[in-house]
Amino acid sequence: MPPTASLASTIERTDREIAEAEQLIHEGVQSIIVALRKGGDTIESEKDVAQMRAALELLHAQRRKLVRGMYDAQRSSATAA
């Protein structure tokens, strides 16, 4: 498998992980809203959502690095040809 194909596969996998994280964050925020409307305690849920957001930022950073690596690999192969 060429390096760019491997990177593309990894980017696709990272995109799926990002989508899953965004969905979990959405669900967490929705549960916080419901709990607040009922007068419930949301501190732990808010901490969980904050941790998920931090993890999401790491996934975005990882994706940026992968895209940059793919761009560099394509550029290198284009200049070598």
Foldseek 3Di string as FASTA:
>chain_A
DDPLVVLVVVLVVLVVVLVVLVVVLVVLVVVLVVQVVVVHDCVVSVVVSVVSVVVSVVSVVVSVVSVVVSVVVVVVVVVVD
